[in-house]
Amino acid sequence: MNTGVVKWFNNAKGYGFVVTENSEEDIFVHYSAIDMEGYKTLKAGQSVQFDLEQGPKGVHATNIRCLEAAQKKSEVA
């Protein structure tokens, strides 16, 4: 599992990019790879955890989970 920060995400187009500390390359994110209930979206600056997969156009993120949401749930419990 990798961690990174959302660089930007366009809700209308359903995609964006994340960056990691150990890579200068932007990693493509598609809304269909976001693991959350309801409306799948990300916000710039949001911390995320994800897997990497090689696709026909390069590396992209899969199984994307928001870290802030997980932290808030554990604080409430």
N, C-alpha and C. Protein backbone atom coordinates (compact mmCIF):
# COMPACT_ATOMS: atom_id res chain seq x y z
N MET A 1 0.84 -1.19 0.00
CA MET A 1 0.00 0.00 0.00
C MET A 1 0.88 1.24 0.00
N ASN A 2 0.55 2.19 -0.81
CA ASN A 2 1.26 3.46 -0.90
C ASN A 2 0.42 4.56 -0.27
N THR A 3 1.07 5.62 0.16
CA THR A 3 0.35 6.78 0.65
C THR A 3 0.79 8.00 -0.15
N GLY A 4 -0.11 8.96 -0.25
CA GLY A 4 0.18 10.18 -0.98
C GLY A 4 -0.83 11.25 -0.66
N VAL A 5 -0.72 12.35 -1.41
CA VAL A 5 -1.60 13.49 -1.23
C VAL A 5 -2.23 13.83 -2.57
N VAL A 6 -3.50 14.16 -2.56
CA VAL A 6 -4.20 14.53 -3.79
C VAL A 6 -3.65 15.87 -4.28
N LYS A 7 -3.15 15.88 -5.51
CA LYS A 7 -2.64 17.12 -6.11
C LYS A 7 -3.82 17.95 -6.60
N TRP A 8 -4.70 17.31 -7.36
CA TRP A 8 -5.96 17.93 -7.79
C TRP A 8 -6.90 16.83 -8.25
N PHE A 9 -8.21 17.13 -8.21
CA PHE A 9 -9.23 16.20 -8.66
C PHE A 9 -10.39 16.99 -9.24
N ASN A 10 -10.79 16.67 -10.47
CA ASN A 10 -11.87 17.36 -11.16
C ASN A 10 -13.14 16.51 -11.04
N ASN A 11 -14.11 16.98 -10.26
CA ASN A 11 -15.36 16.23 -10.06
C ASN A 11 -16.13 16.04 -11.35
N ALA A 12 -16.17 17.07 -12.19
CA ALA A 12 -16.95 17.01 -13.43
C ALA A 12 -16.39 15.95 -14.38
N LYS A 13 -15.07 15.84 -14.45
CA LYS A 13 -14.44 14.87 -15.35
C LYS A 13 -14.17 13.53 -14.68
N GLY A 14 -14.15 13.51 -13.35
CA GLY A 14 -14.00 12.25 -12.62
C GLY A 14 -12.58 11.72 -12.53
N TYR A 15 -11.60 12.61 -12.65
CA TYR A 15 -10.23 12.15 -12.49
C TYR A 15 -9.34 13.25 -11.93
N GLY A 16 -8.14 12.84 -11.55
CA GLY A 16 -7.16 13.78 -11.01
C GLY A 16 -5.84 13.08 -10.81
N PHE A 17 -5.00 13.64 -9.94
CA PHE A 17 -3.67 13.08 -9.72
C PHE A 17 -3.29 13.16 -8.25
N VAL A 18 -2.51 12.17 -7.81
CA VAL A 18 -1.93 12.17 -6.47
C VAL A 18 -0.41 12.18 -6.61
N VAL A 19 0.26 12.63 -5.57
CA VAL A 19 1.72 12.61 -5.53
C VAL A 19 2.16 11.87 -4.26
N THR A 20 3.32 11.23 -4.34
CA THR A 20 3.89 10.55 -3.18
C THR A 20 5.22 11.19 -2.82
N GLU A 21 5.68 10.93 -1.62
CA GLU A 21 6.95 11.49 -1.17
C GLU A 21 8.14 10.90 -1.94
N ASN A 22 8.05 9.63 -2.31
CA ASN A 22 9.18 8.95 -2.93
C ASN A 22 9.11 8.91 -4.46
N SER A 23 8.27 9.71 -5.08
CA SER A 23 8.19 9.76 -6.53
C SER A 23 7.84 11.17 -6.99
N GLU A 24 8.53 11.63 -8.01
CA GLU A 24 8.24 12.96 -8.56
C GLU A 24 7.14 12.88 -9.61
N GLU A 25 6.77 11.67 -10.01
CA GLU A 25 5.77 11.47 -11.04
C GLU A 25 4.36 11.57 -10.46
N ASP A 26 3.47 12.28 -11.15
CA ASP A 26 2.07 12.35 -10.75
C ASP A 26 1.41 11.01 -11.09
N ILE A 27 0.55 10.54 -10.21
CA ILE A 27 -0.12 9.26 -10.40
C ILE A 27 -1.59 9.51 -10.70
N PHE A 28 -2.06 8.97 -11.82
CA PHE A 28 -3.44 9.17 -12.28
C PHE A 28 -4.43 8.49 -11.33
N VAL A 29 -5.54 9.19 -11.08
CA VAL A 29 -6.63 8.68 -10.24
C VAL A 29 -7.95 8.83 -10.99
N HIS A 30 -8.73 7.75 -11.08
CA HIS A 30 -10.06 7.80 -11.67
C HIS A 30 -11.09 7.56 -10.57
N TYR A 31 -12.22 8.24 -10.67
CA TYR A 31 -13.22 8.15 -9.60
C TYR A 31 -13.67 6.71 -9.33
N SER A 32 -13.66 5.87 -10.35
CA SER A 32 -14.11 4.48 -10.18
C SER A 32 -13.18 3.67 -9.28
N ALA A 33 -11.96 4.16 -9.04
CA ALA A 33 -10.99 3.45 -8.19
C ALA A 33 -11.05 3.91 -6.74
N ILE A 34 -11.93 4.87 -6.43
CA ILE A 34 -12.05 5.39 -5.07
C ILE A 34 -12.94 4.46 -4.25
N ASP A 35 -12.44 4.01 -3.11
CA ASP A 35 -13.16 3.07 -2.25
C ASP A 35 -13.86 3.86 -1.14
N MET A 36 -15.11 4.29 -1.41
CA MET A 36 -15.91 5.00 -0.41
C MET A 36 -17.38 4.87 -0.75
N GLU A 37 -18.22 5.09 0.23
CA GLU A 37 -19.67 5.04 0.04
C GLU A 37 -20.14 6.35 -0.58
N GLY A 38 -21.24 6.30 -1.32
CA GLY A 38 -21.85 7.51 -1.87
C GLY A 38 -21.05 8.12 -3.01
N TYR A 39 -21.08 9.44 -3.08
CA TYR A 39 -20.42 10.19 -4.15
C TYR A 39 -18.91 10.08 -4.01
N LYS A 40 -18.26 9.55 -5.03
CA LYS A 40 -16.82 9.31 -4.98
C LYS A 40 -16.07 10.53 -5.47
N THR A 41 -15.40 11.20 -4.54
CA THR A 41 -14.64 12.40 -4.89
C THR A 41 -13.44 12.54 -3.96
N LEU A 42 -12.48 13.33 -4.38
CA LEU A 42 -11.30 13.64 -3.57
C LEU A 42 -11.09 15.14 -3.57
N LYS A 43 -10.38 15.64 -2.57
CA LYS A 43 -10.09 17.07 -2.48
C LYS A 43 -8.59 17.29 -2.47
N ALA A 44 -8.14 18.37 -3.09
CA ALA A 44 -6.72 18.71 -3.11
C ALA A 44 -6.20 18.80 -1.69
N GLY A 45 -5.03 18.19 -1.45
CA GLY A 45 -4.42 18.21 -0.13
C GLY A 45 -4.84 17.06 0.76
N GLN A 46 -5.80 16.27 0.32
CA GLN A 46 -6.30 15.15 1.12
C GLN A 46 -5.29 14.00 1.10
N SER A 47 -5.04 13.39 2.25
CA SER A 47 -4.15 12.23 2.34
C SER A 47 -4.91 10.97 1.95
N VAL A 48 -4.27 10.15 1.11
CA VAL A 48 -4.91 8.92 0.64
C VAL A 48 -3.93 7.76 0.69
N GLN A 49 -4.50 6.56 0.69
CA GLN A 49 -3.74 5.32 0.64
C GLN A 49 -4.23 4.58 -0.60
N PHE A 50 -3.33 3.93 -1.34
CA PHE A 50 -3.72 3.32 -2.60
C PHE A 50 -2.72 2.26 -3.04
N ASP A 51 -3.15 1.44 -4.00
CA ASP A 51 -2.29 0.48 -4.67
C ASP A 51 -1.93 1.07 -6.03
N LEU A 52 -0.84 0.59 -6.61
CA LEU A 52 -0.44 1.03 -7.95
C LEU A 52 -0.63 -0.12 -8.93
N GLU A 53 -1.05 0.24 -10.13
CA GLU A 53 -1.25 -0.75 -11.17
C GLU A 53 -0.75 -0.18 -12.49
N GLN A 54 -0.10 -1.01 -13.29
CA GLN A 54 0.38 -0.58 -14.60
C GLN A 54 -0.75 -0.74 -15.60
N GLY A 55 -1.08 0.34 -16.29
CA GLY A 55 -2.13 0.31 -17.29
C GLY A 55 -1.55 0.62 -18.66
N PRO A 56 -2.38 0.66 -19.69
CA PRO A 56 -1.89 0.92 -21.05
C PRO A 56 -1.28 2.31 -21.22
N LYS A 57 -1.68 3.26 -20.38
CA LYS A 57 -1.16 4.63 -20.49
C LYS A 57 -0.20 4.97 -19.36
N GLY A 58 0.22 3.97 -18.58
CA GLY A 58 1.14 4.23 -17.48
C GLY A 58 0.57 3.78 -16.15
N VAL A 59 1.23 4.20 -15.09
CA VAL A 59 0.84 3.80 -13.74
C VAL A 59 -0.39 4.59 -13.28
N HIS A 60 -1.32 3.90 -12.61
CA HIS A 60 -2.48 4.58 -12.03
C HIS A 60 -2.80 3.99 -10.66
N ALA A 61 -3.50 4.76 -9.86
CA ALA A 61 -3.86 4.35 -8.50
C ALA A 61 -5.14 3.53 -8.53
N THR A 62 -5.18 2.49 -7.68
CA THR A 62 -6.38 1.68 -7.50
C THR A 62 -6.64 1.52 -6.01
N ASN A 63 -7.83 1.07 -5.65
CA ASN A 63 -8.20 0.85 -4.24
C ASN A 63 -7.86 2.07 -3.37
N ILE A 64 -8.29 3.23 -3.81
CA ILE A 64 -7.95 4.48 -3.12
C ILE A 64 -8.84 4.66 -1.90
N ARG A 65 -8.20 4.89 -0.75
CA ARG A 65 -8.92 5.12 0.51
C ARG A 65 -8.45 6.42 1.12
N CYS A 66 -9.38 7.21 1.61
CA CYS A 66 -9.06 8.48 2.27
C CYS A 66 -8.59 8.20 3.68
N LEU A 67 -7.44 8.74 4.05
CA LEU A 67 -6.89 8.51 5.39
C LEU A 67 -7.58 9.35 6.45
N GLU A 68 -8.00 10.56 6.13
CA GLU A 68 -8.66 11.42 7.11
C GLU A 68 -9.96 10.79 7.60
N ALA A 69 -10.73 10.21 6.70
CA ALA A 69 -12.00 9.60 7.08
C ALA A 69 -11.76 8.43 8.03
N ALA A 70 -10.74 7.65 7.78
CA ALA A 70 -10.42 6.52 8.66
C ALA A 70 -9.99 7.00 10.03
N GLN A 71 -9.23 8.09 10.07
CA GLN A 71 -8.78 8.64 11.35
C GLN A 71 -9.96 9.18 12.15
N LYS A 72 -10.89 9.86 11.50
CA LYS A 72 -12.05 10.42 12.19
C LYS A 72 -12.92 9.31 12.77
N LYS A 73 -13.10 8.21 12.03
CA LYS A 73 -13.90 7.09 12.52
C LYS A 73 -13.27 6.48 13.76
N SER A 74 -11.94 6.33 13.77
CA SER A 74 -11.28 5.73 14.93
C SER A 74 -11.32 6.66 16.14
N GLU A 75 -11.34 7.97 15.92
CA GLU A 75 -11.41 8.92 17.02
C GLU A 75 -12.80 8.90 17.67
N VAL A 76 -13.84 8.67 16.88
CA VAL A 76 -15.21 8.65 17.37
C VAL A 76 -15.48 7.38 18.16
N ALA A 77 -14.91 6.27 17.72
CA ALA A 77 -15.16 4.96 18.35
C ALA A 77 -14.61 4.83 19.74
